[in-house]
Amino acid sequence: MVNCTKCNSKLSKDANYCSNCGKSTGESIVEEFEVKSEELVQKTKEIIKEGNVTKIIVENEEGKTLLEIPATAGIVGVILAPWLAALGTIAAIATKCKIKVEKRV
């Protein structure tokens, strides 16, 4: 058995994700982008189109997490619409945001 690096829950040896917090157990890298609020939705769409993304985290200027989007390979259309609406709301109240993108290696 191994433990999750985020929440320390016990994981089976062949688990790809933590069943408690959803963290990927595989190797991943995190890229960060700072964007103005009016660019938030467009940049997020571009990131999702690039593919190979497992999670998108949007933070405000103080580093507080505003939204976490689990981005799977099949996230499109109707599934993506509520997330984009939430991003639009965040863009309306924030001036600058940081987008953290977790990608599998």
PDB file of N, CA and C in Angstrom:
ATOM      1  N   MET A   1       0.840  -1.186   0.000  1.00  0.00           N
ATOM      2  CA  MET A   1       0.000   0.000   0.000  1.00  0.00           C
ATOM      3  C   MET A   1       0.888   1.253   0.000  1.00  0.00           C
ATOM      4  N   VAL A   2       0.385   2.261  -0.694  1.00  0.00           N
ATOM      5  CA  VAL A   2       1.056   3.553  -0.712  1.00  0.00           C
ATOM      6  C   VAL A   2       0.085   4.600  -0.192  1.00  0.00           C
ATOM      7  N   ASN A   3       0.612   5.760   0.150  1.00  0.00           N
ATOM      8  CA  ASN A   3      -0.223   6.844   0.653  1.00  0.00           C
ATOM      9  C   ASN A   3      -0.289   7.974  -0.362  1.00  0.00           C
ATOM     10  N   CYS A   4      -1.427   8.656  -0.390  1.00  0.00           N
ATOM     11  CA  CYS A   4      -1.625   9.823  -1.243  1.00  0.00           C
ATOM     12  C   CYS A   4      -0.692  10.932  -0.761  1.00  0.00           C
ATOM     13  N   THR A   5      -0.062  11.625  -1.709  1.00  0.00           N
ATOM     14  CA  THR A   5       0.854  12.703  -1.342  1.00  0.00           C
ATOM     15  C   THR A   5       0.124  13.971  -0.914  1.00  0.00           C
ATOM     16  N   LYS A   6      -1.172  14.057  -1.209  1.00  0.00           N
ATOM     17  CA  LYS A   6      -1.939  15.252  -0.841  1.00  0.00           C
ATOM     18  C   LYS A   6      -2.651  15.093   0.503  1.00  0.00           C
ATOM     19  N   CYS A   7      -3.404  13.969   0.672  1.00  0.00           N
ATOM     20  CA  CYS A   7      -4.221  13.812   1.888  1.00  0.00           C
ATOM     21  C   CYS A   7      -3.766  12.662   2.788  1.00  0.00           C
ATOM     22  N   ASN A   8      -2.753  11.912   2.351  1.00  0.00           N
ATOM     23  CA  ASN A   8      -2.168  10.820   3.118  1.00  0.00           C
ATOM     24  C   ASN A   8      -3.088   9.606   3.287  1.00  0.00           C
ATOM     25  N   SER A   9      -4.133   9.496   2.468  1.00  0.00           N
ATOM     26  CA  SER A   9      -4.999   8.313   2.511  1.00  0.00           C
ATOM     27  C   SER A   9      -4.260   7.111   1.936  1.00  0.00           C
ATOM     28  N   LYS A  10      -4.624   5.941   2.404  1.00  0.00           N
ATOM     29  CA  LYS A  10      -4.018   4.721   1.883  1.00  0.00           C
ATOM     30  C   LYS A  10      -4.590   4.416   0.497  1.00  0.00           C
ATOM     31  N   LEU A  11      -3.705   4.050  -0.435  1.00  0.00           N
ATOM     32  CA  LEU A  11      -4.091   3.749  -1.811  1.00  0.00           C
ATOM     33  C   LEU A  11      -3.633   2.351  -2.175  1.00  0.00           C
ATOM     34  N   SER A  12      -4.381   1.713  -3.064  1.00  0.00           N
ATOM     35  CA  SER A  12      -3.917   0.429  -3.580  1.00  0.00           C
ATOM     36  C   SER A  12      -2.772   0.691  -4.555  1.00  0.00           C
ATOM     37  N   LYS A  13      -1.943  -0.303  -4.776  1.00  0.00           N
ATOM     38  CA  LYS A  13      -0.751  -0.152  -5.592  1.00  0.00           C
ATOM     39  C   LYS A  13      -1.054   0.273  -7.028  1.00  0.00           C
ATOM     40  N   ASP A  14      -2.188  -0.166  -7.566  1.00  0.00           N
ATOM     41  CA  ASP A  14      -2.508   0.124  -8.968  1.00  0.00           C
ATOM     42  C   ASP A  14      -3.477   1.297  -9.150  1.00  0.00           C
ATOM     43  N   ALA A  15      -3.748   2.064  -8.093  1.00  0.00           N
ATOM     44  CA  ALA A  15      -4.683   3.193  -8.181  1.00  0.00           C
ATOM     45  C   ALA A  15      -4.084   4.319  -9.027  1.00  0.00           C
ATOM     46  N   ASN A  16      -4.923   4.915  -9.894  1.00  0.00           N
ATOM     47  CA  ASN A  16      -4.492   6.055 -10.693  1.00  0.00           C
ATOM     48  C   ASN A  16      -4.827   7.378 -10.016  1.00  0.00           C
ATOM     49  N   TYR A  17      -5.860   7.354  -9.155  1.00  0.00           N
ATOM     50  CA  TYR A  17      -6.298   8.548  -8.441  1.00  0.00           C
ATOM     51  C   TYR A  17      -6.630   8.189  -7.006  1.00  0.00           C
ATOM     52  N   CYS A  18      -6.509   9.142  -6.120  1.00  0.00           N
ATOM     53  CA  CYS A  18      -6.887   8.953  -4.726  1.00  0.00           C
ATOM     54  C   CYS A  18      -8.410   8.967  -4.639  1.00  0.00           C
ATOM     55  N   SER A  19      -8.989   7.986  -3.993  1.00  0.00           N
ATOM     56  CA  SER A  19     -10.450   7.919  -3.873  1.00  0.00           C
ATOM     57  C   SER A  19     -10.981   8.940  -2.867  1.00  0.00           C
ATOM     58  N   ASN A  20     -10.114   9.497  -2.036  1.00  0.00           N
ATOM     59  CA  ASN A  20     -10.528  10.475  -1.043  1.00  0.00           C
ATOM     60  C   ASN A  20     -10.498  11.909  -1.585  1.00  0.00           C
ATOM     61  N   CYS A  21      -9.380  12.319  -2.205  1.00  0.00           N
ATOM     62  CA  CYS A  21      -9.239  13.720  -2.644  1.00  0.00           C
ATOM     63  C   CYS A  21      -9.173  13.890  -4.151  1.00  0.00           C
ATOM     64  N   GLY A  22      -9.001  12.807  -4.902  1.00  0.00           N
ATOM     65  CA  GLY A  22      -8.982  12.892  -6.363  1.00  0.00           C
ATOM     66  C   GLY A  22      -7.630  13.185  -6.972  1.00  0.00           C
ATOM     67  N   LYS A  23      -6.582  13.297  -6.161  1.00  0.00           N
ATOM     68  CA  LYS A  23      -5.248  13.593  -6.697  1.00  0.00           C
ATOM     69  C   LYS A  23      -4.745  12.433  -7.533  1.00  0.00           C
ATOM     70  N   SER A  24      -4.149  12.778  -8.654  1.00  0.00           N
ATOM     71  CA  SER A  24      -3.542  11.774  -9.517  1.00  0.00           C
ATOM     72  C   SER A  24      -2.348  11.158  -8.797  1.00  0.00           C
ATOM     73  N   THR A  25      -2.194   9.848  -8.921  1.00  0.00           N
ATOM     74  CA  THR A  25      -1.066   9.175  -8.275  1.00  0.00           C
ATOM     75  C   THR A  25       0.124   9.065  -9.216  1.00  0.00           C
ATOM     76  N   GLY A  26      -0.103   9.376 -10.500  1.00  0.00           N
ATOM     77  CA  GLY A  26       0.977   9.322 -11.477  1.00  0.00           C
ATOM     78  C   GLY A  26       1.825  10.576 -11.441  1.00  0.00           C
ATOM     79  N   GLU A  27       2.881  10.547 -12.218  1.00  0.00           N
ATOM     80  CA  GLU A  27       3.754  11.706 -12.314  1.00  0.00           C
ATOM     81  C   GLU A  27       3.027  12.812 -13.050  1.00  0.00           C
ATOM     82  N   SER A  28       3.130  14.028 -12.546  1.00  0.00           N
ATOM     83  CA  SER A  28       2.491  15.159 -13.198  1.00  0.00           C
ATOM     84  C   SER A  28       3.340  16.406 -13.023  1.00  0.00           C
ATOM     85  N   ILE A  29       3.087  17.369 -13.888  1.00  0.00           N
ATOM     86  CA  ILE A  29       3.742  18.659 -13.779  1.00  0.00           C
ATOM     87  C   ILE A  29       2.658  19.718 -13.621  1.00  0.00           C
ATOM     88  N   VAL A  30       3.018  20.828 -13.029  1.00  0.00           N
ATOM     89  CA  VAL A  30       2.067  21.918 -12.840  1.00  0.00           C
ATOM     90  C   VAL A  30       2.619  23.160 -13.525  1.00  0.00           C
ATOM     91  N   GLU A  31       1.815  23.719 -14.430  1.00  0.00           N
ATOM     92  CA  GLU A  31       2.168  24.970 -15.087  1.00  0.00           C
ATOM     93  C   GLU A  31       1.272  26.057 -14.515  1.00  0.00           C
ATOM     94  N   GLU A  32       1.804  27.274 -14.414  1.00  0.00           N
ATOM     95  CA  GLU A  32       1.016  28.384 -13.889  1.00  0.00           C
ATOM     96  C   GLU A  32       0.954  29.505 -14.923  1.00  0.00           C
ATOM     97  N   PHE A  33      -0.228  30.107 -15.024  1.00  0.00           N
ATOM     98  CA  PHE A  33      -0.441  31.242 -15.912  1.00  0.00           C
ATOM     99  C   PHE A  33      -1.132  32.338 -15.115  1.00  0.00           C
ATOM    100  N   GLU A  34      -0.656  33.562 -15.242  1.00  0.00           N
ATOM    101  CA  GLU A  34      -1.345  34.693 -14.636  1.00  0.00           C
ATOM    102  C   GLU A  34      -2.090  35.409 -15.744  1.00  0.00           C
ATOM    103  N   VAL A  35      -3.390  35.616 -15.538  1.00  0.00           N
ATOM    104  CA  VAL A  35      -4.223  36.250 -16.557  1.00  0.00           C
ATOM    105  C   VAL A  35      -5.095  37.327 -15.936  1.00  0.00           C
ATOM    106  N   LYS A  36      -5.467  38.285 -16.758  1.00  0.00           N
ATOM    107  CA  LYS A  36      -6.445  39.278 -16.339  1.00  0.00           C
ATOM    108  C   LYS A  36      -7.804  38.614 -16.356  1.00  0.00           C
ATOM    109  N   SER A  37      -8.724  39.126 -15.590  1.00  0.00           N
ATOM    110  CA  SER A  37     -10.024  38.482 -15.454  1.00  0.00           C
ATOM    111  C   SER A  37     -10.746  38.337 -16.792  1.00  0.00           C
ATOM    112  N   GLU A  38     -10.609  39.316 -17.683  1.00  0.00           N
ATOM    113  CA  GLU A  38     -11.314  39.237 -18.966  1.00  0.00           C
ATOM    114  C   GLU A  38     -10.733  38.159 -19.890  1.00  0.00           C
ATOM    115  N   GLU A  39      -9.542  37.647 -19.588  1.00  0.00           N
ATOM    116  CA  GLU A  39      -8.913  36.605 -20.397  1.00  0.00           C
ATOM    117  C   GLU A  39      -9.106  35.210 -19.805  1.00  0.00           C
ATOM    118  N   LEU A  40      -9.719  35.122 -18.631  1.00  0.00           N
ATOM    119  CA  LEU A  40      -9.803  33.867 -17.882  1.00  0.00           C
ATOM    120  C   LEU A  40     -10.517  32.756 -18.643  1.00  0.00           C
ATOM    121  N   VAL A  41     -11.700  33.032 -19.151  1.00  0.00           N
ATOM    122  CA  VAL A  41     -12.481  31.990 -19.838  1.00  0.00           C
ATOM    123  C   VAL A  41     -11.775  31.538 -21.111  1.00  0.00           C
ATOM    124  N   GLN A  42     -11.277  32.494 -21.907  1.00  0.00           N
ATOM    125  CA  GLN A  42     -10.617  32.151 -23.164  1.00  0.00           C
ATOM    126  C   GLN A  42      -9.362  31.320 -22.926  1.00  0.00           C
ATOM    127  N   LYS A  43      -8.549  31.697 -21.954  1.00  0.00           N
ATOM    128  CA  LYS A  43      -7.320  30.955 -21.661  1.00  0.00           C
ATOM    129  C   LYS A  43      -7.639  29.547 -21.177  1.00  0.00           C
ATOM    130  N   THR A  44      -8.683  29.403 -20.377  1.00  0.00           N
ATOM    131  CA  THR A  44      -9.083  28.085 -19.895  1.00  0.00           C
ATOM    132  C   THR A  44      -9.520  27.191 -21.052  1.00  0.00           C
ATOM    133  N   LYS A  45     -10.278  27.752 -21.997  1.00  0.00           N
ATOM    134  CA  LYS A  45     -10.687  26.989 -23.178  1.00  0.00           C
ATOM    135  C   LYS A  45      -9.467  26.517 -23.974  1.00  0.00           C
ATOM    136  N   GLU A  46      -8.477  27.404 -24.129  1.00  0.00           N
ATOM    137  CA  GLU A  46      -7.254  27.047 -24.858  1.00  0.00           C
ATOM    138  C   GLU A  46      -6.519  25.911 -24.160  1.00  0.00           C
ATOM    139  N   ILE A  47      -6.433  25.970 -22.845  1.00  0.00           N
ATOM    140  CA  ILE A  47      -5.739  24.938 -22.069  1.00  0.00           C
ATOM    141  C   ILE A  47      -6.428  23.593 -22.246  1.00  0.00           C
ATOM    142  N   ILE A  48      -7.749  23.577 -22.192  1.00  0.00           N
ATOM    143  CA  ILE A  48      -8.495  22.322 -22.344  1.00  0.00           C
ATOM    144  C   ILE A  48      -8.320  21.756 -23.746  1.00  0.00           C
ATOM    145  N   LYS A  49      -8.305  22.620 -24.760  1.00  0.00           N
ATOM    146  CA  LYS A  49      -8.115  22.156 -26.142  1.00  0.00           C
ATOM    147  C   LYS A  49      -6.755  21.515 -26.346  1.00  0.00           C
ATOM    148  N   GLU A  50      -5.726  21.984 -25.619  1.00  0.00           N
ATOM    149  CA  GLU A  50      -4.382  21.418 -25.736  1.00  0.00           C
ATOM    150  C   GLU A  50      -4.359  19.946 -25.347  1.00  0.00           C
ATOM    151  N   GLY A  51      -5.233  19.556 -24.443  1.00  0.00           N
ATOM    152  CA  GLY A  51      -5.306  18.170 -23.998  1.00  0.00           C
ATOM    153  C   GLY A  51      -4.248  17.838 -22.953  1.00  0.00           C
ATOM    154  N   ASN A  52      -4.218  16.581 -22.517  1.00  0.00           N
ATOM    155  CA  ASN A  52      -3.274  16.063 -21.540  1.00  0.00           C
ATOM    156  C   ASN A  52      -3.372  16.779 -20.189  1.00  0.00           C
ATOM    157  N   VAL A  53      -4.530  17.380 -19.900  1.00  0.00           N
ATOM    158  CA  VAL A  53      -4.735  18.108 -18.658  1.00  0.00           C
ATOM    159  C   VAL A  53      -5.564  17.246 -17.714  1.00  0.00           C
ATOM    160  N   THR A  54      -5.140  17.154 -16.452  1.00  0.00           N
ATOM    161  CA  THR A  54      -5.909  16.377 -15.487  1.00  0.00           C
ATOM    162  C   THR A  54      -6.692  17.261 -14.523  1.00  0.00           C
ATOM    163  N   LYS A  55      -6.199  18.480 -14.284  1.00  0.00           N
ATOM    164  CA  LYS A  55      -6.897  19.375 -13.370  1.00  0.00           C
ATOM    165  C   LYS A  55      -6.522  20.819 -13.676  1.00  0.00           C
ATOM    166  N   ILE A  56      -7.501  21.711 -13.542  1.00  0.00           N
ATOM    167  CA  ILE A  56      -7.271  23.140 -13.691  1.00  0.00           C
ATOM    168  C   ILE A  56      -7.726  23.797 -12.394  1.00  0.00           C
ATOM    169  N   ILE A  57      -6.845  24.590 -11.799  1.00  0.00           N
ATOM    170  CA  ILE A  57      -7.150  25.283 -10.547  1.00  0.00           C
ATOM    171  C   ILE A  57      -7.060  26.782 -10.799  1.00  0.00           C
ATOM    172  N   VAL A  58      -8.111  27.504 -10.429  1.00  0.00           N
ATOM    173  CA  VAL A  58      -8.125  28.956 -10.582  1.00  0.00           C
ATOM    174  C   VAL A  58      -8.004  29.575  -9.196  1.00  0.00           C
ATOM    175  N   GLU A  59      -7.011  30.447  -9.039  1.00  0.00           N
ATOM    176  CA  GLU A  59      -6.784  31.118  -7.764  1.00  0.00           C
ATOM    177  C   GLU A  59      -6.894  32.623  -7.945  1.00  0.00           C
ATOM    178  N   ASN A  60      -7.247  33.317  -6.866  1.00  0.00           N
ATOM    179  CA  ASN A  60      -7.284  34.777  -6.933  1.00  0.00           C
ATOM    180  C   ASN A  60      -5.890  35.337  -6.652  1.00  0.00           C
ATOM    181  N   GLU A  61      -5.787  36.665  -6.552  1.00  0.00           N
ATOM    182  CA  GLU A  61      -4.497  37.322  -6.358  1.00  0.00           C
ATOM    183  C   GLU A  61      -3.805  36.926  -5.059  1.00  0.00           C
ATOM    184  N   GLU A  62      -4.596  36.580  -4.045  1.00  0.00           N
ATOM    185  CA  GLU A  62      -4.037  36.198  -2.750  1.00  0.00           C
ATOM    186  C   GLU A  62      -3.656  34.716  -2.684  1.00  0.00           C
ATOM    187  N   GLY A  63      -3.920  33.961  -3.736  1.00  0.00           N
ATOM    188  CA  GLY A  63      -3.597  32.545  -3.756  1.00  0.00           C
ATOM    189  C   GLY A  63      -4.710  31.646  -3.254  1.00  0.00           C
ATOM    190  N   LYS A  64      -5.893  32.199  -2.993  1.00  0.00           N
ATOM    191  CA  LYS A  64      -7.030  31.408  -2.532  1.00  0.00           C
ATOM    192  C   LYS A  64      -7.658  30.699  -3.730  1.00  0.00           C
ATOM    193  N   THR A  65      -7.899  29.399  -3.594  1.00  0.00           N
ATOM    194  CA  THR A  65      -8.509  28.628  -4.673  1.00  0.00           C
ATOM    195  C   THR A  65      -9.969  29.020  -4.831  1.00  0.00           C
ATOM    196  N   LEU A  66     -10.324  29.440  -6.047  1.00  0.00           N
ATOM    197  CA  LEU A  66     -11.692  29.829  -6.356  1.00  0.00           C
ATOM    198  C   LEU A  66     -12.464  28.714  -7.043  1.00  0.00           C
ATOM    199  N   LEU A  67     -11.759  27.904  -7.829  1.00  0.00           N
ATOM    200  CA  LEU A  67     -12.429  26.840  -8.592  1.00  0.00           C
ATOM    201  C   LEU A  67     -11.419  25.776  -8.972  1.00  0.00           C
ATOM    202  N   GLU A  68     -11.821  24.512  -8.843  1.00  0.00           N
ATOM    203  CA  GLU A  68     -11.019  23.381  -9.324  1.00  0.00           C
ATOM    204  C   GLU A  68     -11.846  22.646 -10.354  1.00  0.00           C
ATOM    205  N   ILE A  69     -11.276  22.483 -11.548  1.00  0.00           N
ATOM    206  CA  ILE A  69     -11.978  21.800 -12.623  1.00  0.00           C
ATOM    207  C   ILE A  69     -11.253  20.491 -12.915  1.00  0.00           C
ATOM    208  N   PRO A  70     -11.906  19.355 -12.689  1.00  0.00           N
ATOM    209  CA  PRO A  70     -11.292  18.088 -13.092  1.00  0.00           C
ATOM    210  C   PRO A  70     -11.435  17.958 -14.601  1.00  0.00           C
ATOM    211  N   ALA A  71     -10.337  18.033 -15.309  1.00  0.00           N
ATOM    212  CA  ALA A  71     -10.389  18.027 -16.779  1.00  0.00           C
ATOM    213  C   ALA A  71      -9.989  16.658 -17.309  1.00  0.00           C
ATOM    214  N   THR A  72     -10.960  15.907 -17.756  1.00  0.00           N
ATOM    215  CA  THR A  72     -10.693  14.602 -18.338  1.00  0.00           C
ATOM    216  C   THR A  72     -10.620  14.744 -19.851  1.00  0.00           C
ATOM    217  N   ALA A  73     -10.172  13.715 -20.515  1.00  0.00           N
ATOM    218  CA  ALA A  73     -10.000  13.760 -21.967  1.00  0.00           C
ATOM    219  C   ALA A  73     -11.299  14.050 -22.704  1.00  0.00           C
ATOM    220  N   GLY A  74     -12.443  13.668 -22.156  1.00  0.00           N
ATOM    221  CA  GLY A  74     -13.705  13.837 -22.857  1.00  0.00           C
ATOM    222  C   GLY A  74     -14.519  15.048 -22.440  1.00  0.00           C
ATOM    223  N   ILE A  75     -13.931  16.013 -21.763  1.00  0.00           N
ATOM    224  CA  ILE A  75     -14.703  17.161 -21.282  1.00  0.00           C
ATOM    225  C   ILE A  75     -14.982  18.126 -22.433  1.00  0.00           C
ATOM    226  N   VAL A  76     -16.236  18.182 -22.854  1.00  0.00           N
ATOM    227  CA  VAL A  76     -16.651  19.062 -23.947  1.00  0.00           C
ATOM    228  C   VAL A  76     -18.097  19.482 -23.753  1.00  0.00           C
ATOM    229  N   GLY A  77     -18.505  20.471 -24.512  1.00  0.00           N
ATOM    230  CA  GLY A  77     -19.898  20.874 -24.627  1.00  0.00           C
ATOM    231  C   GLY A  77     -20.666  21.028 -23.343  1.00  0.00           C
ATOM    232  N   VAL A  78     -21.693  20.210 -23.184  1.00  0.00           N
ATOM    233  CA  VAL A  78     -22.609  20.310 -22.051  1.00  0.00           C
ATOM    234  C   VAL A  78     -21.879  20.128 -20.727  1.00  0.00           C
ATOM    235  N   ILE A  79     -20.894  19.262 -20.691  1.00  0.00           N
ATOM    236  CA  ILE A  79     -20.140  19.025 -19.457  1.00  0.00           C
ATOM    237  C   ILE A  79     -19.318  20.265 -19.098  1.00  0.00           C
ATOM    238  N   LEU A  80     -18.783  20.944 -20.086  1.00  0.00           N
ATOM    239  CA  LEU A  80     -17.919  22.101 -19.862  1.00  0.00           C
ATOM    240  C   LEU A  80     -18.699  23.378 -19.542  1.00  0.00           C
ATOM    241  N   ALA A  81     -19.933  23.478 -20.006  1.00  0.00           N
ATOM    242  CA  ALA A  81     -20.729  24.710 -19.869  1.00  0.00           C
ATOM    243  C   ALA A  81     -20.851  25.223 -18.424  1.00  0.00           C
ATOM    244  N   PRO A  82     -21.179  24.394 -17.437  1.00  0.00           N
ATOM    245  CA  PRO A  82     -21.286  24.918 -16.058  1.00  0.00           C
ATOM    246  C   PRO A  82     -19.961  25.463 -15.532  1.00  0.00           C
ATOM    247  N   TRP A  83     -18.856  24.824 -15.897  1.00  0.00           N
ATOM    248  CA  TRP A  83     -17.548  25.296 -15.450  1.00  0.00           C
ATOM    249  C   TRP A  83     -17.244  26.662 -16.067  1.00  0.00           C
ATOM    250  N   LEU A  84     -17.566  26.832 -17.346  1.00  0.00           N
ATOM    251  CA  LEU A  84     -17.309  28.114 -18.007  1.00  0.00           C
ATOM    252  C   LEU A  84     -18.195  29.216 -17.426  1.00  0.00           C
ATOM    253  N   ALA A  85     -19.410  28.868 -17.049  1.00  0.00           N
ATOM    254  CA  ALA A  85     -20.288  29.848 -16.409  1.00  0.00           C
ATOM    255  C   ALA A  85     -19.700  30.287 -15.063  1.00  0.00           C
ATOM    256  N   ALA A  86     -19.175  29.332 -14.315  1.00  0.00           N
ATOM    257  CA  ALA A  86     -18.539  29.654 -13.034  1.00  0.00           C
ATOM    258  C   ALA A  86     -17.310  30.532 -13.256  1.00  0.00           C
ATOM    259  N   LEU A  87     -16.543  30.231 -14.303  1.00  0.00           N
ATOM    260  CA  LEU A  87     -15.374  31.053 -14.611  1.00  0.00           C
ATOM    261  C   LEU A  87     -15.787  32.476 -14.970  1.00  0.00           C
ATOM    262  N   GLY A  88     -16.891  32.617 -15.693  1.00  0.00           N
ATOM    263  CA  GLY A  88     -17.399  33.943 -16.033  1.00  0.00           C
ATOM    264  C   GLY A  88     -17.759  34.748 -14.800  1.00  0.00           C
ATOM    265  N   THR A  89     -18.347  34.084 -13.813  1.00  0.00           N
ATOM    266  CA  THR A  89     -18.694  34.743 -12.555  1.00  0.00           C
ATOM    267  C   THR A  89     -17.426  35.171 -11.806  1.00  0.00           C
ATOM    268  N   ILE A  90     -16.442  34.292 -11.776  1.00  0.00           N
ATOM    269  CA  ILE A  90     -15.169  34.619 -11.122  1.00  0.00           C
ATOM    270  C   ILE A  90     -14.517  35.807 -11.820  1.00  0.00           C
ATOM    271  N   ALA A  91     -14.540  35.803 -13.147  1.00  0.00           N
ATOM    272  CA  ALA A  91     -13.936  36.893 -13.920  1.00  0.00           C
ATOM    273  C   ALA A  91     -14.606  38.229 -13.607  1.00  0.00           C
ATOM    274  N   ALA A  92     -15.886  38.202 -13.280  1.00  0.00           N
ATOM    275  CA  ALA A  92     -16.622  39.432 -12.987  1.00  0.00           C
ATOM    276  C   ALA A  92     -16.218  40.042 -11.643  1.00  0.00           C
ATOM    277  N   ILE A  93     -15.735  39.216 -10.709  1.00  0.00           N
ATOM    278  CA  ILE A  93     -15.406  39.744  -9.376  1.00  0.00           C
ATOM    279  C   ILE A  93     -13.903  39.855  -9.107  1.00  0.00           C
ATOM    280  N   ALA A  94     -13.082  39.195  -9.908  1.00  0.00           N
ATOM    281  CA  ALA A  94     -11.633  39.232  -9.683  1.00  0.00           C
ATOM    282  C   ALA A  94     -10.972  40.144 -10.718  1.00  0.00           C
ATOM    283  N   THR A  95      -9.827  40.694 -10.372  1.00  0.00           N
ATOM    284  CA  THR A  95      -9.102  41.523 -11.332  1.00  0.00           C
ATOM    285  C   THR A  95      -8.002  40.738 -12.029  1.00  0.00           C
ATOM    286  N   LYS A  96      -7.292  39.911 -11.277  1.00  0.00           N
ATOM    287  CA  LYS A  96      -6.273  39.036 -11.838  1.00  0.00           C
ATOM    288  C   LYS A  96      -6.461  37.647 -11.243  1.00  0.00           C
ATOM    289  N   CYS A  97      -6.156  36.661 -12.036  1.00  0.00           N
ATOM    290  CA  CYS A  97      -6.268  35.280 -11.568  1.00  0.00           C
ATOM    291  C   CYS A  97      -5.018  34.511 -11.959  1.00  0.00           C
ATOM    292  N   LYS A  98      -4.774  33.454 -11.226  1.00  0.00           N
ATOM    293  CA  LYS A  98      -3.697  32.536 -11.560  1.00  0.00           C
ATOM    294  C   LYS A  98      -4.347  31.209 -11.924  1.00  0.00           C
ATOM    295  N   ILE A  99      -3.944  30.656 -13.055  1.00  0.00           N
ATOM    296  CA  ILE A  99      -4.456  29.355 -13.477  1.00  0.00           C
ATOM    297  C   ILE A  99      -3.318  28.353 -13.297  1.00  0.00           C
ATOM    298  N   LYS A 100      -3.570  27.317 -12.505  1.00  0.00           N
ATOM    299  CA  LYS A 100      -2.610  26.231 -12.345  1.00  0.00           C
ATOM    300  C   LYS A 100      -3.143  25.040 -13.133  1.00  0.00           C
ATOM    301  N   VAL A 101      -2.300  24.510 -13.986  1.00  0.00           N
ATOM    302  CA  VAL A 101      -2.685  23.400 -14.851  1.00  0.00           C
ATOM    303  C   VAL A 101      -1.843  22.188 -14.492  1.00  0.00           C
ATOM    304  N   GLU A 102      -2.523  21.109 -14.083  1.00  0.00           N
ATOM    305  CA  GLU A 102      -1.819  19.861 -13.766  1.00  0.00           C
ATOM    306  C   GLU A 102      -1.901  18.947 -14.980  1.00  0.00           C
ATOM    307  N   LYS A 103      -0.739  18.514 -15.457  1.00  0.00           N
ATOM    308  CA  LYS A 103      -0.670  17.630 -16.634  1.00  0.00           C
ATOM    309  C   LYS A 103       0.070  16.370 -16.272  1.00  0.00           C
ATOM    310  N   ARG A 104      -0.354  15.274 -16.843  1.00  0.00           N
ATOM    311  CA  ARG A 104       0.362  14.009 -16.651  1.00  0.00           C
ATOM    312  C   ARG A 104       1.597  13.998 -17.510  1.00  0.00           C
ATOM    313  N   VAL A 105       2.647  13.412 -16.996  1.00  0.00           N
ATOM    314  CA  VAL A 105       3.910  13.320 -17.732  1.00  0.00           C
ATOM    315  C   VAL A 105       3.878  12.119 -18.626  1.00  0.00           C
TER     316      VAL A 105
END
